[in-house]
N, C-alpha and C. Protein backbone atom coordinates (compact mmCIF):
# COMPACT_ATOMS: atom_id res chain seq x y z
N LYS A 1 -35.58 -81.83 12.29
CA LYS A 1 -36.33 -81.77 12.77
C LYS A 1 -35.88 -82.19 14.19
N LEU A 2 -36.24 -81.29 15.20
CA LEU A 2 -35.56 -81.38 16.80
C LEU A 2 -36.90 -81.30 17.96
N GLN A 3 -37.27 -81.88 18.82
CA GLN A 3 -37.89 -81.86 19.55
C GLN A 3 -37.42 -82.00 21.32
N ILE A 4 -37.90 -81.01 21.92
CA ILE A 4 -37.41 -80.62 23.08
C ILE A 4 -38.42 -81.03 24.32
N ARG A 5 -38.15 -81.82 25.30
CA ARG A 5 -39.15 -81.86 26.45
C ARG A 5 -38.36 -81.05 27.47
N VAL A 6 -38.92 -79.58 27.92
CA VAL A 6 -38.39 -79.14 29.45
C VAL A 6 -39.25 -79.10 30.69
N ASP A 7 -38.77 -79.69 31.58
CA ASP A 7 -38.71 -79.85 32.80
C ASP A 7 -39.25 -78.07 33.33
N SER A 8 -40.53 -78.05 33.47
CA SER A 8 -41.17 -76.20 33.87
C SER A 8 -40.54 -75.75 35.38
N ALA A 9 -40.17 -76.86 36.22
CA ALA A 9 -39.86 -76.60 37.39
C ALA A 9 -38.42 -76.08 37.48
N THR A 10 -37.47 -76.57 36.68
CA THR A 10 -36.57 -76.24 36.54
C THR A 10 -35.55 -75.77 35.48
N ASN A 11 -36.57 -75.62 34.41
CA ASN A 11 -36.18 -74.86 33.06
C ASN A 11 -34.77 -75.34 32.63
N THR A 12 -34.96 -76.96 32.50
CA THR A 12 -33.79 -77.69 31.99
C THR A 12 -34.49 -78.57 30.78
N ILE A 13 -33.95 -78.86 29.87
CA ILE A 13 -34.07 -80.03 28.89
C ILE A 13 -33.86 -81.57 29.56
N SER A 14 -34.89 -82.05 29.65
CA SER A 14 -35.15 -83.42 30.23
C SER A 14 -35.04 -84.43 29.00
N ASP A 15 -35.19 -84.05 27.95
CA ASP A 15 -35.53 -85.04 27.29
C ASP A 15 -35.47 -84.24 25.41
N VAL A 16 -34.51 -85.29 24.64
CA VAL A 16 -34.68 -84.29 23.22
C VAL A 16 -34.40 -85.52 22.19
N LYS A 17 -34.93 -84.99 20.87
CA LYS A 17 -35.03 -86.43 20.00
C LYS A 17 -34.90 -85.74 18.87
N PHE A 18 -34.32 -86.20 17.66
CA PHE A 18 -34.44 -85.39 16.40
C PHE A 18 -34.48 -86.56 15.20
N LYS A 19 -34.70 -85.97 14.16
CA LYS A 19 -35.05 -86.75 12.79
C LYS A 19 -34.27 -85.86 12.00
N THR A 20 -33.58 -86.40 11.50
CA THR A 20 -32.44 -85.87 10.29
C THR A 20 -32.31 -86.60 9.00
N PHE A 21 -32.79 -86.24 7.86
CA PHE A 21 -32.46 -87.03 6.84
C PHE A 21 -31.22 -86.21 5.87
N GLY A 22 -30.30 -86.42 6.15
CA GLY A 22 -29.10 -86.02 5.22
C GLY A 22 -27.89 -86.73 4.71
N CYS A 23 -26.77 -86.07 5.12
CA CYS A 23 -25.32 -86.96 5.16
C CYS A 23 -25.15 -87.27 6.89
N GLY A 24 -23.89 -87.94 6.72
CA GLY A 24 -23.47 -88.45 8.02
C GLY A 24 -22.97 -87.25 9.24
N SER A 25 -22.56 -86.35 8.35
CA SER A 25 -22.25 -85.20 9.19
C SER A 25 -23.26 -84.55 9.93
N ALA A 26 -24.50 -84.41 8.75
CA ALA A 26 -25.72 -83.58 9.50
C ALA A 26 -26.21 -84.52 10.69
N ILE A 27 -26.22 -85.67 10.65
CA ILE A 27 -26.51 -86.88 11.64
C ILE A 27 -26.07 -86.81 12.75
N ALA A 28 -24.60 -86.82 12.34
CA ALA A 28 -23.54 -86.77 13.62
C ALA A 28 -23.86 -85.41 14.42
N SER A 29 -24.12 -84.42 13.78
CA SER A 29 -24.37 -83.09 14.57
C SER A 29 -25.63 -82.82 15.01
N SER A 30 -26.46 -83.28 14.60
CA SER A 30 -27.95 -83.49 15.19
C SER A 30 -27.71 -84.54 16.65
N SER A 31 -26.96 -85.69 16.53
CA SER A 31 -27.09 -86.54 17.66
C SER A 31 -25.69 -86.06 18.82
N TYR A 32 -24.95 -85.19 18.11
CA TYR A 32 -24.01 -84.79 19.46
C TYR A 32 -24.90 -83.86 20.10
N LEU A 33 -25.55 -82.64 19.41
CA LEU A 33 -26.49 -81.82 20.12
C LEU A 33 -27.39 -82.26 21.06
N THR A 34 -27.79 -83.56 20.69
CA THR A 34 -28.76 -84.12 21.74
C THR A 34 -28.22 -84.96 22.84
N GLU A 35 -27.11 -85.22 23.20
CA GLU A 35 -26.33 -85.52 24.11
C GLU A 35 -25.78 -84.35 25.02
N LEU A 36 -25.39 -83.37 24.26
CA LEU A 36 -24.74 -82.03 24.82
C LEU A 36 -25.79 -81.05 25.52
N VAL A 37 -27.63 -81.11 25.07
CA VAL A 37 -28.28 -80.30 25.73
C VAL A 37 -28.94 -80.83 26.74
N ARG A 38 -29.03 -82.41 26.64
CA ARG A 38 -29.72 -82.92 27.86
C ARG A 38 -29.52 -83.02 29.22
N GLY A 39 -29.92 -81.75 29.97
CA GLY A 39 -29.72 -81.74 31.50
C GLY A 39 -29.39 -80.15 31.22
N MET A 40 -29.30 -79.25 30.30
CA MET A 40 -28.85 -78.08 30.25
C MET A 40 -29.84 -77.24 30.32
N SER A 41 -29.91 -76.23 30.92
CA SER A 41 -30.72 -75.21 30.93
C SER A 41 -31.20 -74.50 29.46
N LEU A 42 -32.65 -73.96 29.14
CA LEU A 42 -32.86 -73.52 28.02
C LEU A 42 -31.84 -72.31 27.84
N GLU A 43 -31.43 -71.41 28.66
CA GLU A 43 -30.50 -70.29 28.31
C GLU A 43 -29.18 -70.89 28.03
N ASP A 44 -28.49 -71.99 28.77
CA ASP A 44 -27.33 -72.50 28.64
C ASP A 44 -27.23 -73.08 26.77
N ALA A 45 -28.40 -73.76 27.04
CA ALA A 45 -28.69 -74.79 25.22
C ALA A 45 -28.82 -73.62 24.23
N SER A 46 -29.65 -72.37 24.47
CA SER A 46 -29.49 -71.37 23.58
C SER A 46 -28.23 -70.93 23.26
N ARG A 47 -27.39 -70.94 24.02
CA ARG A 47 -25.90 -70.22 23.50
C ARG A 47 -24.83 -71.10 22.69
N ILE A 48 -25.54 -72.41 22.73
CA ILE A 48 -24.74 -73.26 21.64
C ILE A 48 -24.18 -72.63 20.32
N LYS A 49 -23.18 -72.88 20.03
CA LYS A 49 -22.87 -72.26 18.71
C LYS A 49 -22.27 -73.55 18.07
N ASN A 50 -22.35 -73.45 16.52
CA ASN A 50 -22.32 -74.53 15.26
C ASN A 50 -20.48 -74.45 15.60
N THR A 51 -20.18 -73.94 15.71
CA THR A 51 -18.35 -73.97 15.57
C THR A 51 -17.61 -74.95 16.97
N GLU A 52 -18.57 -75.08 18.10
CA GLU A 52 -18.41 -76.07 19.11
C GLU A 52 -18.85 -77.47 18.85
N ILE A 53 -20.13 -77.66 17.86
CA ILE A 53 -20.25 -79.09 17.05
C ILE A 53 -19.11 -79.41 16.62
N ALA A 54 -19.23 -78.16 15.34
CA ALA A 54 -18.05 -78.58 14.45
C ALA A 54 -16.51 -79.19 14.70
N LYS A 55 -16.03 -78.52 15.96
CA LYS A 55 -14.90 -78.82 16.53
C LYS A 55 -14.66 -80.26 16.86
N GLU A 56 -15.79 -80.56 18.04
CA GLU A 56 -15.95 -81.79 18.78
C GLU A 56 -16.13 -82.67 17.90
N LEU A 57 -16.66 -82.73 16.69
CA LEU A 57 -16.90 -83.57 16.02
C LEU A 57 -15.86 -83.35 14.37
N CYS A 58 -15.21 -82.55 14.44
CA CYS A 58 -13.69 -82.39 13.82
C CYS A 58 -14.41 -82.47 11.84
N LEU A 59 -15.32 -81.55 11.97
CA LEU A 59 -16.11 -81.45 10.64
C LEU A 59 -15.12 -80.34 9.57
N PRO A 60 -14.86 -80.86 8.62
CA PRO A 60 -14.24 -80.33 7.60
C PRO A 60 -14.95 -78.80 7.18
N PRO A 61 -14.35 -78.06 6.88
CA PRO A 61 -14.92 -76.31 6.61
C PRO A 61 -16.11 -76.80 5.16
N VAL A 62 -16.14 -78.14 4.49
CA VAL A 62 -17.06 -77.88 3.38
C VAL A 62 -18.45 -78.33 3.98
N LYS A 63 -18.13 -79.19 5.48
CA LYS A 63 -19.44 -79.79 6.31
C LYS A 63 -19.96 -78.71 7.37
N LEU A 64 -19.39 -77.71 7.49
CA LEU A 64 -19.99 -77.00 8.52
C LEU A 64 -21.52 -76.30 8.50
N HIS A 65 -22.04 -76.47 7.30
CA HIS A 65 -23.35 -76.25 7.31
C HIS A 65 -24.21 -77.21 8.06
N CYS A 66 -23.66 -78.29 8.20
CA CYS A 66 -24.34 -79.52 8.87
C CYS A 66 -24.40 -79.07 10.63
N SER A 67 -23.32 -78.51 10.86
CA SER A 67 -23.66 -77.87 12.56
C SER A 67 -24.03 -76.82 12.22
N MET A 68 -24.08 -76.06 11.48
CA MET A 68 -25.17 -74.61 11.65
C MET A 68 -26.59 -75.01 11.32
N LEU A 69 -26.88 -76.26 10.76
CA LEU A 69 -28.82 -76.82 10.97
C LEU A 69 -28.75 -77.09 12.71
N ALA A 70 -27.78 -77.83 12.93
CA ALA A 70 -28.12 -78.29 14.42
C ALA A 70 -28.09 -77.19 14.98
N GLU A 71 -27.35 -76.02 15.17
CA GLU A 71 -27.41 -74.74 16.20
C GLU A 71 -28.78 -74.08 15.83
N ASP A 72 -29.59 -74.18 14.65
CA ASP A 72 -30.62 -73.64 14.18
C ASP A 72 -31.69 -74.39 14.70
N ALA A 73 -31.59 -75.59 14.59
CA ALA A 73 -32.70 -76.53 15.11
C ALA A 73 -32.86 -76.04 16.69
N ILE A 74 -31.87 -75.99 17.61
CA ILE A 74 -32.11 -76.28 19.09
C ILE A 74 -32.40 -74.78 19.45
N LYS A 75 -31.84 -73.60 18.62
CA LYS A 75 -32.57 -72.10 18.87
C LYS A 75 -34.16 -72.39 18.48
N SER A 76 -34.47 -73.10 17.47
CA SER A 76 -35.63 -72.93 16.82
C SER A 76 -36.54 -73.77 17.71
N ALA A 77 -36.44 -75.28 18.28
CA ALA A 77 -37.20 -75.89 19.35
C ALA A 77 -37.07 -74.93 20.52
N ILE A 78 -36.02 -74.54 20.81
CA ILE A 78 -36.35 -73.62 22.54
C ILE A 78 -37.40 -72.41 22.05
N ARG A 79 -37.07 -71.78 20.57
CA ARG A 79 -38.00 -70.33 20.50
C ARG A 79 -39.70 -70.86 20.58
N ASP A 80 -39.98 -72.47 19.52
CA ASP A 80 -41.20 -72.62 20.02
C ASP A 80 -41.82 -72.94 21.37
N TYR A 81 -40.89 -73.63 22.28
CA TYR A 81 -41.10 -73.82 23.31
C TYR A 81 -41.84 -72.89 24.01
N GLN A 82 -40.96 -71.64 23.90
CA GLN A 82 -40.80 -70.59 24.96
C GLN A 82 -42.50 -69.65 24.54
N ASN A 83 -42.75 -69.63 22.79
CA ASN A 83 -43.83 -69.20 22.17
C ASN A 83 -45.43 -69.84 22.75
N LYS A 84 -45.12 -71.37 22.92
CA LYS A 84 -46.23 -71.99 23.47
C LYS A 84 -46.51 -71.74 24.83
N THR A 85 -45.12 -71.67 25.53
CA THR A 85 -45.70 -71.46 27.19
C THR A 85 -45.94 -69.90 26.95
N LYS A 86 -45.84 -69.17 26.57
CA LYS A 86 -46.15 -67.80 26.88
C LYS A 86 -47.96 -67.89 26.27
N ARG A 87 -47.73 -68.29 25.12
CA ARG A 87 -49.26 -68.26 24.46
C ARG A 87 -50.39 -69.11 25.45
N GLY A 88 -49.61 -70.19 26.30
CA GLY A 88 -50.56 -71.02 27.15
C GLY A 88 -50.81 -70.13 28.53
N GLN A 89 -49.61 -69.45 28.70
CA GLN A 89 -50.05 -68.42 30.25
C GLN A 89 -51.04 -67.51 30.09
N ALA A 90 -51.08 -66.95 28.85
CA ALA A 90 -51.94 -66.28 28.77
C ALA A 90 -53.34 -66.19 28.41
N ASP A 91 -53.62 -67.88 27.77
CA ASP A 91 -54.95 -68.13 27.53
C ASP A 91 -55.14 -68.48 28.94
N TYR A 92 -54.08 -69.02 29.70
CA TYR A 92 -54.82 -69.56 31.27
C TYR A 92 -55.44 -68.07 32.03
N GLY A 93 -54.61 -67.33 31.67
CA GLY A 93 -54.89 -65.68 32.49
C GLY A 93 -56.20 -65.49 32.23
N ARG A 94 -56.68 -65.58 30.69
CA ARG A 94 -58.23 -65.20 30.34
C ARG A 94 -59.05 -66.39 30.53
N GLY A 95 -58.88 -67.17 31.18
CA GLY A 95 -59.89 -68.12 31.82
C GLY A 95 -59.79 -69.22 30.38
N ILE A 96 -59.12 -69.67 29.27
CA ILE A 96 -58.56 -70.29 28.36
C ILE A 96 -58.05 -71.42 28.94
N VAL A 97 -58.18 -72.71 28.38
CA VAL A 97 -57.34 -73.55 28.78
C VAL A 97 -57.46 -74.84 27.65
């Protein structure tokens, strides 16, 4: 589980938290990702690849799936934020808040 807080004025990630149940490599991948994306724009954060995480952490090939989980988590969090923002704007335009 990965949660992001976005500064809507700058469209950057102002805070990020994770909860991971798994091996040390999964926890390390998520932890590294949180440090990496804090302060990044949503666009830049969505471009992060698991190979970047795996390389930084020197993950062995058998643990690459752990870095893939981190990549999937940030992309999912960004997509969720964008969907909620679009839905909120549509509701506001119809007078629903």
